[in-house]
Structure formats: structure tokens, C-alpha cells
Amino acid sequence: MAIDYVIYKLTFPNGKIYVGKDIGGKGHSLSYFGSWDNEYVQRDFTDEQLRDFTVRKEILLESPDKNLVSKKEGEFILLLKSNDPSIGYNKTHKARK
């Protein structure tokens, strides 16, 4: 059975995370790892570290409801604080000062 839409968490070798959603046309894709900013992430690693690099992908929520997944993505970003540069790589949902 195919999963239509998902929210996932990526964990990078330094422990920082990125939360994203996959709402592609044909459902969840195993090879989709989001639209995180490559240059932003790469700054945290040396060239040597980038030669052997593992990212873990965990599914946090699966649903046939595209609108629910879109809404919940922001909630997960805030809950997991992946928008805090010391914790994660999400650039959206900035905390208000």
C-alpha cells in the first residue's frame, strides 16, 4: 500500500535536523530528501566529512490528506525546534522576538 503524503525528519551526522514534507504527485518517494539549503548545511562539515556522509530519514506522519500534512509540517518544525540554527536546518517558521 502506497503512502500518499508524509512529514519526515532528516538527521545529519552532526545531530542537527531538518523537517520536511513529501506531497509529490505519486505519493511518498524513498529518494526524496527535501529542499533544504545545501550550502547552508555544507558549511557545518569539512570536505573530509562530506566524503562519507550519512543522513537518516524518519517518517513522522503519514496521511492521505495533503492539506493536513501541509499544516502539520509547520507544527513539527516548531515542536522539534528545527528552525533554531543550533538544532536544525529549517529556515521557515522563525521564532518571533
PDB file of N, CA and C in Angstrom:
ATOM      1  N   MET A   1       0.845  -1.187   0.000  1.00  0.00           N
ATOM      2  CA  MET A   1       0.000   0.000   0.000  1.00  0.00           C
ATOM      3  C   MET A   1       0.890   1.250   0.000  1.00  0.00           C
ATOM      4  N   ALA A   2       0.650   2.140  -0.917  1.00  0.00           N
ATOM      5  CA  ALA A   2       1.453   3.360  -1.023  1.00  0.00           C
ATOM      6  C   ALA A   2       0.987   4.393  -0.002  1.00  0.00           C
ATOM      7  N   ILE A   3       1.942   5.098   0.541  1.00  0.00           N
ATOM      8  CA  ILE A   3       1.652   6.205   1.455  1.00  0.00           C
ATOM      9  C   ILE A   3       1.528   7.447   0.593  1.00  0.00           C
ATOM     10  N   ASP A   4       0.425   8.151   0.721  1.00  0.00           N
ATOM     11  CA  ASP A   4       0.223   9.310  -0.131  1.00  0.00           C
ATOM     12  C   ASP A   4       1.143  10.471   0.215  1.00  0.00           C
ATOM     13  N   TYR A   5       1.082  10.943   1.463  1.00  0.00           N
ATOM     14  CA  TYR A   5       1.832  12.128   1.861  1.00  0.00           C
ATOM     15  C   TYR A   5       2.477  11.890   3.217  1.00  0.00           C
ATOM     16  N   VAL A   6       3.658  12.475   3.414  1.00  0.00           N
ATOM     17  CA  VAL A   6       4.364  12.257   4.681  1.00  0.00           C
ATOM     18  C   VAL A   6       5.054  13.528   5.163  1.00  0.00           C
ATOM     19  N   ILE A   7       5.297  13.561   6.460  1.00  0.00           N
ATOM     20  CA  ILE A   7       6.223  14.509   7.073  1.00  0.00           C
ATOM     21  C   ILE A   7       7.382  13.665   7.559  1.00  0.00           C
ATOM     22  N   TYR A   8       8.588  14.125   7.280  1.00  0.00           N
ATOM     23  CA  TYR A   8       9.775  13.357   7.653  1.00  0.00           C
ATOM     24  C   TYR A   8      10.751  14.246   8.416  1.00  0.00           C
ATOM     25  N   LYS A   9      11.642  13.584   9.118  1.00  0.00           N
ATOM     26  CA  LYS A   9      12.735  14.265   9.812  1.00  0.00           C
ATOM     27  C   LYS A   9      14.037  13.675   9.299  1.00  0.00           C
ATOM     28  N   LEU A  10      14.932  14.548   8.857  1.00  0.00           N
ATOM     29  CA  LEU A  10      16.274  14.137   8.473  1.00  0.00           C
ATOM     30  C   LEU A  10      17.209  14.452   9.630  1.00  0.00           C
ATOM     31  N   THR A  11      18.072  13.525   9.962  1.00  0.00           N
ATOM     32  CA  THR A  11      19.089  13.757  10.985  1.00  0.00           C
ATOM     33  C   THR A  11      20.452  13.639  10.317  1.00  0.00           C
ATOM     34  N   PHE A  12      21.221  14.712  10.438  1.00  0.00           N
ATOM     35  CA  PHE A  12      22.538  14.788   9.813  1.00  0.00           C
ATOM     36  C   PHE A  12      23.603  14.265  10.785  1.00  0.00           C
ATOM     37  N   PRO A  13      24.817  13.973  10.298  1.00  0.00           N
ATOM     38  CA  PRO A  13      25.861  13.409  11.158  1.00  0.00           C
ATOM     39  C   PRO A  13      26.205  14.248  12.390  1.00  0.00           C
ATOM     40  N   ASN A  14      25.957  15.540  12.339  1.00  0.00           N
ATOM     41  CA  ASN A  14      26.247  16.404  13.489  1.00  0.00           C
ATOM     42  C   ASN A  14      25.078  16.477  14.472  1.00  0.00           C
ATOM     43  N   GLY A  15      24.008  15.728  14.222  1.00  0.00           N
ATOM     44  CA  GLY A  15      22.854  15.697  15.111  1.00  0.00           C
ATOM     45  C   GLY A  15      21.790  16.732  14.782  1.00  0.00           C
ATOM     46  N   LYS A  16      22.102  17.677  13.905  1.00  0.00           N
ATOM     47  CA  LYS A  16      21.096  18.666  13.521  1.00  0.00           C
ATOM     48  C   LYS A  16      20.039  18.008  12.639  1.00  0.00           C
ATOM     49  N   ILE A  17      18.831  18.608  12.645  1.00  0.00           N
ATOM     50  CA  ILE A  17      17.714  18.003  11.935  1.00  0.00           C
ATOM     51  C   ILE A  17      17.083  18.962  10.927  1.00  0.00           C
ATOM     52  N   TYR A  18      16.338  18.384  10.017  1.00  0.00           N
ATOM     53  CA  TYR A  18      15.533  19.122   9.059  1.00  0.00           C
ATOM     54  C   TYR A  18      14.194  18.414   8.980  1.00  0.00           C
ATOM     55  N   VAL A  19      13.097  19.167   9.073  1.00  0.00           N
ATOM     56  CA  VAL A  19      11.757  18.605   8.957  1.00  0.00           C
ATOM     57  C   VAL A  19      11.176  19.062   7.628  1.00  0.00           C
ATOM     58  N   GLY A  20      10.612  18.119   6.890  1.00  0.00           N
ATOM     59  CA  GLY A  20      10.023  18.451   5.605  1.00  0.00           C
ATOM     60  C   GLY A  20       8.811  17.593   5.323  1.00  0.00           C
ATOM     61  N   LYS A  21       8.205  17.860   4.178  1.00  0.00           N
ATOM     62  CA  LYS A  21       7.037  17.088   3.759  1.00  0.00           C
ATOM     63  C   LYS A  21       7.253  16.606   2.338  1.00  0.00           C
ATOM     64  N   ASP A  22       6.627  15.501   2.026  1.00  0.00           N
ATOM     65  CA  ASP A  22       6.640  14.962   0.676  1.00  0.00           C
ATOM     66  C   ASP A  22       5.188  14.857   0.248  1.00  0.00           C
ATOM     67  N   ILE A  23       4.784  15.771  -0.598  1.00  0.00           N
ATOM     68  CA  ILE A  23       3.413  15.774  -1.104  1.00  0.00           C
ATOM     69  C   ILE A  23       3.442  15.697  -2.629  1.00  0.00           C
ATOM     70  N   GLY A  24       4.440  14.952  -3.114  1.00  0.00           N
ATOM     71  CA  GLY A  24       4.600  14.779  -4.558  1.00  0.00           C
ATOM     72  C   GLY A  24       3.400  14.079  -5.180  1.00  0.00           C
ATOM     73  N   GLY A  25       3.322  14.159  -6.465  1.00  0.00           N
ATOM     74  CA  GLY A  25       2.169  13.652  -7.201  1.00  0.00           C
ATOM     75  C   GLY A  25       1.857  12.178  -7.028  1.00  0.00           C
ATOM     76  N   LYS A  26       2.868  11.342  -6.883  1.00  0.00           N
ATOM     77  CA  LYS A  26       2.613   9.901  -6.801  1.00  0.00           C
ATOM     78  C   LYS A  26       2.878   9.352  -5.409  1.00  0.00           C
ATOM     79  N   GLY A  27       2.788  10.196  -4.410  1.00  0.00           N
ATOM     80  CA  GLY A  27       2.989   9.725  -3.044  1.00  0.00           C
ATOM     81  C   GLY A  27       4.427   9.831  -2.583  1.00  0.00           C
ATOM     82  N   HIS A  28       4.678   9.294  -1.429  1.00  0.00           N
ATOM     83  CA  HIS A  28       5.986   9.365  -0.788  1.00  0.00           C
ATOM     84  C   HIS A  28       7.041   8.681  -1.637  1.00  0.00           C
ATOM     85  N   SER A  29       8.137   9.379  -1.824  1.00  0.00           N
ATOM     86  CA  SER A  29       9.249   8.847  -2.600  1.00  0.00           C
ATOM     87  C   SER A  29      10.424   8.546  -1.674  1.00  0.00           C
ATOM     88  N   LEU A  30      10.910   7.341  -1.732  1.00  0.00           N
ATOM     89  CA  LEU A  30      12.051   6.944  -0.907  1.00  0.00           C
ATOM     90  C   LEU A  30      13.264   7.825  -1.171  1.00  0.00           C
ATOM     91  N   SER A  31      13.422   8.277  -2.401  1.00  0.00           N
ATOM     92  CA  SER A  31      14.612   9.047  -2.759  1.00  0.00           C
ATOM     93  C   SER A  31      14.473  10.550  -2.523  1.00  0.00           C
ATOM     94  N   TYR A  32      13.308  11.021  -2.094  1.00  0.00           N
ATOM     95  CA  TYR A  32      13.130  12.458  -1.874  1.00  0.00           C
ATOM     96  C   TYR A  32      13.629  12.833  -0.476  1.00  0.00           C
ATOM     97  N   PHE A  33      14.557  13.766  -0.424  1.00  0.00           N
ATOM     98  CA  PHE A  33      15.134  14.207   0.841  1.00  0.00           C
ATOM     99  C   PHE A  33      14.947  15.692   1.072  1.00  0.00           C
ATOM    100  N   GLY A  34      13.946  16.272   0.437  1.00  0.00           N
ATOM    101  CA  GLY A  34      13.574  17.635   0.746  1.00  0.00           C
ATOM    102  C   GLY A  34      14.284  18.706  -0.030  1.00  0.00           C
ATOM    103  N   SER A  35      13.988  19.924   0.388  1.00  0.00           N
ATOM    104  CA  SER A  35      14.524  21.098  -0.308  1.00  0.00           C
ATOM    105  C   SER A  35      15.356  21.951   0.638  1.00  0.00           C
ATOM    106  N   TRP A  36      16.099  21.307   1.526  1.00  0.00           N
ATOM    107  CA  TRP A  36      16.966  22.047   2.432  1.00  0.00           C
ATOM    108  C   TRP A  36      18.072  22.718   1.632  1.00  0.00           C
ATOM    109  N   ASP A  37      18.610  23.755   2.224  1.00  0.00           N
ATOM    110  CA  ASP A  37      19.630  24.578   1.572  1.00  0.00           C
ATOM    111  C   ASP A  37      20.983  23.878   1.672  1.00  0.00           C
ATOM    112  N   ASN A  38      21.446  23.345   0.563  1.00  0.00           N
ATOM    113  CA  ASN A  38      22.684  22.580   0.527  1.00  0.00           C
ATOM    114  C   ASN A  38      23.876  23.379   1.051  1.00  0.00           C
ATOM    115  N   GLU A  39      24.028  24.625   0.612  1.00  0.00           N
ATOM    116  CA  GLU A  39      25.165  25.440   1.049  1.00  0.00           C
ATOM    117  C   GLU A  39      25.113  25.724   2.542  1.00  0.00           C
ATOM    118  N   TYR A  40      23.910  25.944   3.055  1.00  0.00           N
ATOM    119  CA  TYR A  40      23.705  26.213   4.483  1.00  0.00           C
ATOM    120  C   TYR A  40      24.142  25.014   5.324  1.00  0.00           C
ATOM    121  N   VAL A  41      23.769  23.830   4.900  1.00  0.00           N
ATOM    122  CA  VAL A  41      24.131  22.603   5.619  1.00  0.00           C
ATOM    123  C   VAL A  41      25.618  22.305   5.452  1.00  0.00           C
ATOM    124  N   GLN A  42      26.111  22.454   4.254  1.00  0.00           N
ATOM    125  CA  GLN A  42      27.501  22.089   3.950  1.00  0.00           C
ATOM    126  C   GLN A  42      28.505  22.880   4.775  1.00  0.00           C
ATOM    127  N   ARG A  43      28.156  24.087   5.181  1.00  0.00           N
ATOM    128  CA  ARG A  43      29.072  24.908   5.996  1.00  0.00           C
ATOM    129  C   ARG A  43      29.442  24.245   7.322  1.00  0.00           C
ATOM    130  N   ASP A  44      28.594  23.340   7.806  1.00  0.00           N
ATOM    131  CA  ASP A  44      28.832  22.696   9.092  1.00  0.00           C
ATOM    132  C   ASP A  44      29.775  21.494   9.007  1.00  0.00           C
ATOM    133  N   PHE A  45      30.250  21.164   7.796  1.00  0.00           N
ATOM    134  CA  PHE A  45      31.057  19.956   7.621  1.00  0.00           C
ATOM    135  C   PHE A  45      32.329  20.268   6.841  1.00  0.00           C
ATOM    136  N   THR A  46      33.367  19.535   7.171  1.00  0.00           N
ATOM    137  CA  THR A  46      34.617  19.664   6.421  1.00  0.00           C
ATOM    138  C   THR A  46      34.503  18.866   5.123  1.00  0.00           C
ATOM    139  N   ASP A  47      35.417  19.123   4.204  1.00  0.00           N
ATOM    140  CA  ASP A  47      35.442  18.352   2.961  1.00  0.00           C
ATOM    141  C   ASP A  47      35.614  16.865   3.266  1.00  0.00           C
ATOM    142  N   GLU A  48      36.457  16.553   4.228  1.00  0.00           N
ATOM    143  CA  GLU A  48      36.682  15.155   4.610  1.00  0.00           C
ATOM    144  C   GLU A  48      35.396  14.522   5.133  1.00  0.00           C
ATOM    145  N   GLN A  49      34.651  15.220   5.973  1.00  0.00           N
ATOM    146  CA  GLN A  49      33.385  14.697   6.500  1.00  0.00           C
ATOM    147  C   GLN A  49      32.369  14.466   5.388  1.00  0.00           C
ATOM    148  N   LEU A  50      32.395  15.293   4.378  1.00  0.00           N
ATOM    149  CA  LEU A  50      31.440  15.178   3.275  1.00  0.00           C
ATOM    150  C   LEU A  50      31.743  13.998   2.359  1.00  0.00           C
ATOM    151  N   ARG A  51      32.919  13.415   2.495  1.00  0.00           N
ATOM    152  CA  ARG A  51      33.287  12.255   1.668  1.00  0.00           C
ATOM    153  C   ARG A  51      32.614  10.964   2.146  1.00  0.00           C
ATOM    154  N   ASP A  52      32.188  10.925   3.389  1.00  0.00           N
ATOM    155  CA  ASP A  52      31.492   9.759   3.945  1.00  0.00           C
ATOM    156  C   ASP A  52      30.361  10.311   4.800  1.00  0.00           C
ATOM    157  N   PHE A  53      29.194  10.446   4.214  1.00  0.00           N
ATOM    158  CA  PHE A  53      28.116  11.245   4.796  1.00  0.00           C
ATOM    159  C   PHE A  53      26.825  10.443   4.825  1.00  0.00           C
ATOM    160  N   THR A  54      26.254  10.287   5.999  1.00  0.00           N
ATOM    161  CA  THR A  54      25.021   9.530   6.143  1.00  0.00           C
ATOM    162  C   THR A  54      23.938  10.425   6.742  1.00  0.00           C
ATOM    163  N   VAL A  55      22.764  10.417   6.113  1.00  0.00           N
ATOM    164  CA  VAL A  55      21.609  11.155   6.607  1.00  0.00           C
ATOM    165  C   VAL A  55      20.518  10.137   6.910  1.00  0.00           C
ATOM    166  N   ARG A  56      19.922  10.244   8.085  1.00  0.00           N
ATOM    167  CA  ARG A  56      18.838   9.342   8.480  1.00  0.00           C
ATOM    168  C   ARG A  56      17.506  10.012   8.183  1.00  0.00           C
ATOM    169  N   LYS A  57      16.590   9.279   7.583  1.00  0.00           N
ATOM    170  CA  LYS A  57      15.256   9.795   7.270  1.00  0.00           C
ATOM    171  C   LYS A  57      14.223   8.997   8.057  1.00  0.00           C
ATOM    172  N   GLU A  58      13.450   9.712   8.864  1.00  0.00           N
ATOM    173  CA  GLU A  58      12.383   9.090   9.650  1.00  0.00           C
ATOM    174  C   GLU A  58      11.039   9.681   9.232  1.00  0.00           C
ATOM    175  N   ILE A  59      10.044   8.854   9.088  1.00  0.00           N
ATOM    176  CA  ILE A  59       8.697   9.318   8.786  1.00  0.00           C
ATOM    177  C   ILE A  59       8.011   9.645  10.115  1.00  0.00           C
ATOM    178  N   LEU A  60       7.575  10.894  10.267  1.00  0.00           N
ATOM    179  CA  LEU A  60       6.914  11.339  11.492  1.00  0.00           C
ATOM    180  C   LEU A  60       5.400  11.242  11.399  1.00  0.00           C
ATOM    181  N   LEU A  61       4.863  11.423  10.197  1.00  0.00           N
ATOM    182  CA  LEU A  61       3.412  11.392   9.997  1.00  0.00           C
ATOM    183  C   LEU A  61       3.136  10.958   8.579  1.00  0.00           C
ATOM    184  N   GLU A  62       2.162  10.106   8.409  1.00  0.00           N
ATOM    185  CA  GLU A  62       1.713   9.722   7.074  1.00  0.00           C
ATOM    186  C   GLU A  62       0.208   9.901   7.009  1.00  0.00           C
ATOM    187  N   SER A  63      -0.264  10.404   5.884  1.00  0.00           N
ATOM    188  CA  SER A  63      -1.690  10.682   5.752  1.00  0.00           C
ATOM    189  C   SER A  63      -2.069  10.774   4.278  1.00  0.00           C
ATOM    190  N   PRO A  64      -3.297  10.390   3.950  1.00  0.00           N
ATOM    191  CA  PRO A  64      -3.781  10.594   2.590  1.00  0.00           C
ATOM    192  C   PRO A  64      -4.241  12.044   2.368  1.00  0.00           C
ATOM    193  N   ASP A  65      -4.244  12.847   3.440  1.00  0.00           N
ATOM    194  CA  ASP A  65      -4.745  14.222   3.400  1.00  0.00           C
ATOM    195  C   ASP A  65      -3.595  15.214   3.200  1.00  0.00           C
ATOM    196  N   LYS A  66      -3.464  15.713   1.982  1.00  0.00           N
ATOM    197  CA  LYS A  66      -2.387  16.645   1.631  1.00  0.00           C
ATOM    198  C   LYS A  66      -2.439  17.918   2.469  1.00  0.00           C
ATOM    199  N   ASN A  67      -3.628  18.442   2.705  1.00  0.00           N
ATOM    200  CA  ASN A  67      -3.777  19.673   3.490  1.00  0.00           C
ATOM    201  C   ASN A  67      -3.347  19.468   4.939  1.00  0.00           C
ATOM    202  N   LEU A  68      -3.683  18.324   5.507  1.00  0.00           N
ATOM    203  CA  LEU A  68      -3.273  18.024   6.884  1.00  0.00           C
ATOM    204  C   LEU A  68      -1.751  17.975   6.982  1.00  0.00           C
ATOM    205  N   VAL A  69      -1.117  17.308   6.043  1.00  0.00           N
ATOM    206  CA  VAL A  69       0.345  17.196   6.053  1.00  0.00           C
ATOM    207  C   VAL A  69       0.985  18.578   5.922  1.00  0.00           C
ATOM    208  N   SER A  70       0.448  19.408   5.052  1.00  0.00           N
ATOM    209  CA  SER A  70       0.984  20.765   4.892  1.00  0.00           C
ATOM    210  C   SER A  70       0.854  21.565   6.178  1.00  0.00           C
ATOM    211  N   LYS A  71      -0.268  21.433   6.861  1.00  0.00           N
ATOM    212  CA  LYS A  71      -0.490  22.143   8.127  1.00  0.00           C
ATOM    213  C   LYS A  71       0.442  21.611   9.224  1.00  0.00           C
ATOM    214  N   LYS A  72       0.538  20.314   9.316  1.00  0.00           N
ATOM    215  CA  LYS A  72       1.307  19.685  10.394  1.00  0.00           C
ATOM    216  C   LYS A  72       2.812  19.868  10.246  1.00  0.00           C
ATOM    217  N   GLU A  73       3.283  20.087   9.033  1.00  0.00           N
ATOM    218  CA  GLU A  73       4.717  20.279   8.829  1.00  0.00           C
ATOM    219  C   GLU A  73       5.229  21.429   9.707  1.00  0.00           C
ATOM    220  N   GLY A  74       4.555  22.554   9.670  1.00  0.00           N
ATOM    221  CA  GLY A  74       4.944  23.706  10.491  1.00  0.00           C
ATOM    222  C   GLY A  74       4.897  23.404  11.970  1.00  0.00           C
ATOM    223  N   GLU A  75       3.893  22.638  12.383  1.00  0.00           N
ATOM    224  CA  GLU A  75       3.784  22.261  13.791  1.00  0.00           C
ATOM    225  C   GLU A  75       4.972  21.412  14.226  1.00  0.00           C
ATOM    226  N   PHE A  76       5.395  20.491  13.370  1.00  0.00           N
ATOM    227  CA  PHE A  76       6.559  19.656  13.700  1.00  0.00           C
ATOM    228  C   PHE A  76       7.846  20.483  13.732  1.00  0.00           C
ATOM    229  N   ILE A  77       7.970  21.437  12.813  1.00  0.00           N
ATOM    230  CA  ILE A  77       9.151  22.309  12.817  1.00  0.00           C
ATOM    231  C   ILE A  77       9.250  23.045  14.146  1.00  0.00           C
ATOM    232  N   LEU A  78       8.139  23.576  14.610  1.00  0.00           N
ATOM    233  CA  LEU A  78       8.129  24.304  15.887  1.00  0.00           C
ATOM    234  C   LEU A  78       8.320  23.365  17.072  1.00  0.00           C
ATOM    235  N   LEU A  79       7.662  22.226  17.051  1.00  0.00           N
ATOM    236  CA  LEU A  79       7.763  21.263  18.148  1.00  0.00           C
ATOM    237  C   LEU A  79       9.198  20.749  18.319  1.00  0.00           C
ATOM    238  N   LEU A  80       9.847  20.420  17.211  1.00  0.00           N
ATOM    239  CA  LEU A  80      11.199  19.864  17.259  1.00  0.00           C
ATOM    240  C   LEU A  80      12.281  20.941  17.241  1.00  0.00           C
ATOM    241  N   LYS A  81      11.862  22.198  17.072  1.00  0.00           N
ATOM    242  CA  LYS A  81      12.761  23.361  17.059  1.00  0.00           C
ATOM    243  C   LYS A  81      13.817  23.282  15.962  1.00  0.00           C
ATOM    244  N   SER A  82      13.437  22.673  14.850  1.00  0.00           N
ATOM    245  CA  SER A  82      14.389  22.558  13.752  1.00  0.00           C
ATOM    246  C   SER A  82      14.619  23.887  13.046  1.00  0.00           C
ATOM    247  N   ASN A  83      13.893  24.917  13.441  1.00  0.00           N
ATOM    248  CA  ASN A  83      14.113  26.271  12.921  1.00  0.00           C
ATOM    249  C   ASN A  83      15.130  27.043  13.756  1.00  0.00           C
ATOM    250  N   ASP A  84      15.601  26.451  14.848  1.00  0.00           N
ATOM    251  CA  ASP A  84      16.657  27.025  15.677  1.00  0.00           C
ATOM    252  C   ASP A  84      17.987  26.579  15.069  1.00  0.00           C
ATOM    253  N   PRO A  85      18.821  27.512  14.593  1.00  0.00           N
ATOM    254  CA  PRO A  85      20.068  27.125  13.917  1.00  0.00           C
ATOM    255  C   PRO A  85      21.001  26.237  14.748  1.00  0.00           C
ATOM    256  N   SER A  86      20.848  26.229  16.050  1.00  0.00           N
ATOM    257  CA  SER A  86      21.683  25.343  16.864  1.00  0.00           C
ATOM    258  C   SER A  86      21.130  23.914  16.894  1.00  0.00           C
ATOM    259  N   ILE A  87      19.899  23.731  16.420  1.00  0.00           N
ATOM    260  CA  ILE A  87      19.235  22.426  16.441  1.00  0.00           C
ATOM    261  C   ILE A  87      18.995  21.875  15.044  1.00  0.00           C
ATOM    262  N   GLY A  88      18.651  22.774  14.120  1.00  0.00           N
ATOM    263  CA  GLY A  88      18.265  22.270  12.806  1.00  0.00           C
ATOM    264  C   GLY A  88      18.508  23.227  11.667  1.00  0.00           C
ATOM    265  N   TYR A  89      18.057  22.781  10.493  1.00  0.00           N
ATOM    266  CA  TYR A  89      18.325  23.490   9.253  1.00  0.00           C
ATOM    267  C   TYR A  89      17.094  24.099   8.595  1.00  0.00           C
ATOM    268  N   ASN A  90      15.941  24.047   9.238  1.00  0.00           N
ATOM    269  CA  ASN A  90      14.774  24.704   8.664  1.00  0.00           C
ATOM    270  C   ASN A  90      14.927  26.212   8.773  1.00  0.00           C
ATOM    271  N   LYS A  91      14.653  26.905   7.689  1.00  0.00           N
ATOM    272  CA  LYS A  91      14.766  28.362   7.681  1.00  0.00           C
ATOM    273  C   LYS A  91      13.403  29.036   7.796  1.00  0.00           C
ATOM    274  N   THR A  92      12.339  28.252   7.787  1.00  0.00           N
ATOM    275  CA  THR A  92      10.992  28.805   7.914  1.00  0.00           C
ATOM    276  C   THR A  92      10.528  28.735   9.354  1.00  0.00           C
ATOM    277  N   HIS A  93       9.405  29.372   9.622  1.00  0.00           N
ATOM    278  CA  HIS A  93       8.800  29.372  10.952  1.00  0.00           C
ATOM    279  C   HIS A  93       9.737  29.943  12.006  1.00  0.00           C
ATOM    280  N   LYS A  94      10.321  31.081  11.688  1.00  0.00           N
ATOM    281  CA  LYS A  94      11.223  31.758  12.633  1.00  0.00           C
ATOM    282  C   LYS A  94      10.477  32.163  13.906  1.00  0.00           C
ATOM    283  N   ALA A  95      11.149  32.003  15.015  1.00  0.00           N
ATOM    284  CA  ALA A  95      10.557  32.403  16.298  1.00  0.00           C
ATOM    285  C   ALA A  95      10.452  33.923  16.343  1.00  0.00           C
ATOM    286  N   ARG A  96       9.345  34.400  16.842  1.00  0.00           N
ATOM    287  CA  ARG A  96       9.155  35.849  16.974  1.00  0.00           C
ATOM    288  C   ARG A  96       9.823  36.351  18.225  1.00  0.00           C
ATOM    289  N   LYS A  97      10.419  37.535  18.108  1.00  0.00           N
ATOM    290  CA  LYS A  97      11.119  38.127  19.257  1.00  0.00           C
ATOM    291  C   LYS A  97      10.282  39.207  19.878  1.00  0.00           C
TER     292      LYS A  97
END
